[in-house]
Amino acid sequence: MKITFSKAAPPAGAALIVPAFEDGDPSIAQKSLDAATAGALARAVRAAHFCGQKGQTLELMGLSGQE
C-alpha cells in the first residue's frame, strides 16, 4: 500500500460563500475578505445596492488578491 499526501488547497474554480445580514454590521468574514481584496468586496456591494435581504445574492468573479 502506498500513501501520499498533498498540499491542502481549495480546488480550482472553488466558491466562497460569505453570509450577509440585512440588520447589522458586516461580519468578520466580510471584513476579512474585503481587506484581502483591497476593498473590492465593499465596492461591489455598494455598486449592486446589495443589502443582505432574504434570498438576495451577489455573485463576484475574479476578485483580485484571491487565488
C-alpha atoms as a PDB file:
ATOM      1  CA  MET A   1       0.000   0.000   0.000  1.00  0.00           C
ATOM      2  CA  LYS A   2       1.309   3.443  -0.931  1.00  0.00           C
ATOM      3  CA  ILE A   3       0.061   6.531   0.913  1.00  0.00           C
ATOM      4  CA  THR A   4       0.789  10.028  -0.377  1.00  0.00           C
ATOM      5  CA  PHE A   5      -0.031  13.468   0.918  1.00  0.00           C
ATOM      6  CA  SER A   6      -0.667  16.659  -0.991  1.00  0.00           C
ATOM      7  CA  LYS A   7      -0.844  20.300  -0.005  1.00  0.00           C
ATOM      8  CA  ALA A   8      -4.301  21.300   1.245  1.00  0.00           C
ATOM      9  CA  ALA A   9      -5.855  23.876  -1.067  1.00  0.00           C
ATOM     10  CA  PRO A  10      -9.290  24.672  -2.459  1.00  0.00           C
ATOM     11  CA  PRO A  11      -9.988  23.091  -5.829  1.00  0.00           C
ATOM     12  CA  ALA A  12      -9.736  25.190  -8.975  1.00  0.00           C
ATOM     13  CA  GLY A  13     -12.940  27.121  -9.506  1.00  0.00           C
ATOM     14  CA  ALA A  14     -13.899  26.901  -5.847  1.00  0.00           C
ATOM     15  CA  ALA A  15     -16.677  29.097  -4.485  1.00  0.00           C
ATOM     16  CA  LEU A  16     -16.642  31.074  -1.290  1.00  0.00           C
ATOM     17  CA  ILE A  17     -19.906  31.770   0.485  1.00  0.00           C
ATOM     18  CA  VAL A  18     -19.933  34.703   2.891  1.00  0.00           C
ATOM     19  CA  PRO A  19     -23.127  35.288   4.868  1.00  0.00           C
ATOM     20  CA  ALA A  20     -24.504  38.816   4.979  1.00  0.00           C
ATOM     21  CA  PHE A  21     -27.331  40.052   7.140  1.00  0.00           C
ATOM     22  CA  GLU A  22     -29.749  42.885   6.458  1.00  0.00           C
ATOM     23  CA  ASP A  23     -29.682  44.129  10.044  1.00  0.00           C
ATOM     24  CA  GLY A  24     -26.230  44.649  11.442  1.00  0.00           C
ATOM     25  CA  ASP A  25     -22.652  45.415  10.592  1.00  0.00           C
ATOM     26  CA  PRO A  26     -20.572  43.416   8.102  1.00  0.00           C
ATOM     27  CA  SER A  27     -19.390  40.096   9.522  1.00  0.00           C
ATOM     28  CA  ILE A  28     -15.775  39.319  10.343  1.00  0.00           C
ATOM     29  CA  ALA A  29     -15.720  37.130   7.208  1.00  0.00           C
ATOM     30  CA  GLN A  30     -16.887  40.059   5.064  1.00  0.00           C
ATOM     31  CA  LYS A  31     -14.330  42.404   6.588  1.00  0.00           C
ATOM     32  CA  SER A  32     -11.518  39.883   6.131  1.00  0.00           C
ATOM     33  CA  LEU A  33     -12.418  39.189   2.502  1.00  0.00           C
ATOM     34  CA  ASP A  34     -12.752  42.904   1.788  1.00  0.00           C
ATOM     35  CA  ALA A  35      -9.302  43.540   3.258  1.00  0.00           C
ATOM     36  CA  ALA A  36      -7.820  40.662   1.237  1.00  0.00           C
ATOM     37  CA  THR A  37      -9.298  42.099  -1.964  1.00  0.00           C
ATOM     38  CA  ALA A  38      -8.184  45.693  -1.333  1.00  0.00           C
ATOM     39  CA  GLY A  39     -11.769  46.867  -0.857  1.00  0.00           C
ATOM     40  CA  ALA A  40     -13.201  45.181  -3.973  1.00  0.00           C
ATOM     41  CA  LEU A  41     -15.934  43.419  -1.992  1.00  0.00           C
ATOM     42  CA  ALA A  42     -17.222  46.646  -0.411  1.00  0.00           C
ATOM     43  CA  ARG A  43     -17.166  48.413  -3.793  1.00  0.00           C
ATOM     44  CA  ALA A  44     -19.136  45.577  -5.432  1.00  0.00           C
ATOM     45  CA  VAL A  45     -21.689  45.558  -2.590  1.00  0.00           C
ATOM     46  CA  ARG A  46     -22.243  49.295  -2.973  1.00  0.00           C
ATOM     47  CA  ALA A  47     -22.410  49.173  -6.787  1.00  0.00           C
ATOM     48  CA  ALA A  48     -25.020  46.370  -6.698  1.00  0.00           C
ATOM     49  CA  HIS A  49     -27.044  48.038  -3.909  1.00  0.00           C
ATOM     50  CA  PHE A  50     -26.709  44.737  -2.037  1.00  0.00           C
ATOM     51  CA  CYS A  51     -28.226  44.886   1.449  1.00  0.00           C
ATOM     52  CA  GLY A  52     -28.421  41.228   2.531  1.00  0.00           C
ATOM     53  CA  GLN A  53     -32.174  40.767   2.225  1.00  0.00           C
ATOM     54  CA  LYS A  54     -33.606  37.264   2.437  1.00  0.00           C
ATOM     55  CA  GLY A  55     -32.934  35.442  -0.832  1.00  0.00           C
ATOM     56  CA  GLN A  56     -30.622  38.153  -2.151  1.00  0.00           C
ATOM     57  CA  THR A  57     -27.283  37.039  -3.587  1.00  0.00           C
ATOM     58  CA  LEU A  58     -24.281  38.793  -5.052  1.00  0.00           C
ATOM     59  CA  GLU A  59     -22.007  36.816  -7.346  1.00  0.00           C
ATOM     60  CA  LEU A  60     -18.483  38.125  -7.819  1.00  0.00           C
ATOM     61  CA  MET A  61     -15.935  36.722 -10.222  1.00  0.00           C
ATOM     62  CA  GLY A  62     -12.171  37.011 -10.107  1.00  0.00           C
ATOM     63  CA  LEU A  63     -11.619  39.188  -7.053  1.00  0.00           C
ATOM     64  CA  SER A  64      -8.031  40.392  -7.011  1.00  0.00           C
ATOM     65  CA  GLY A  65      -5.941  39.089  -4.144  1.00  0.00           C
ATOM     66  CA  GLN A  66      -7.745  35.740  -4.088  1.00  0.00           C
ATOM     67  CA  GLU A  67      -6.298  32.611  -5.654  1.00  0.00           C
END
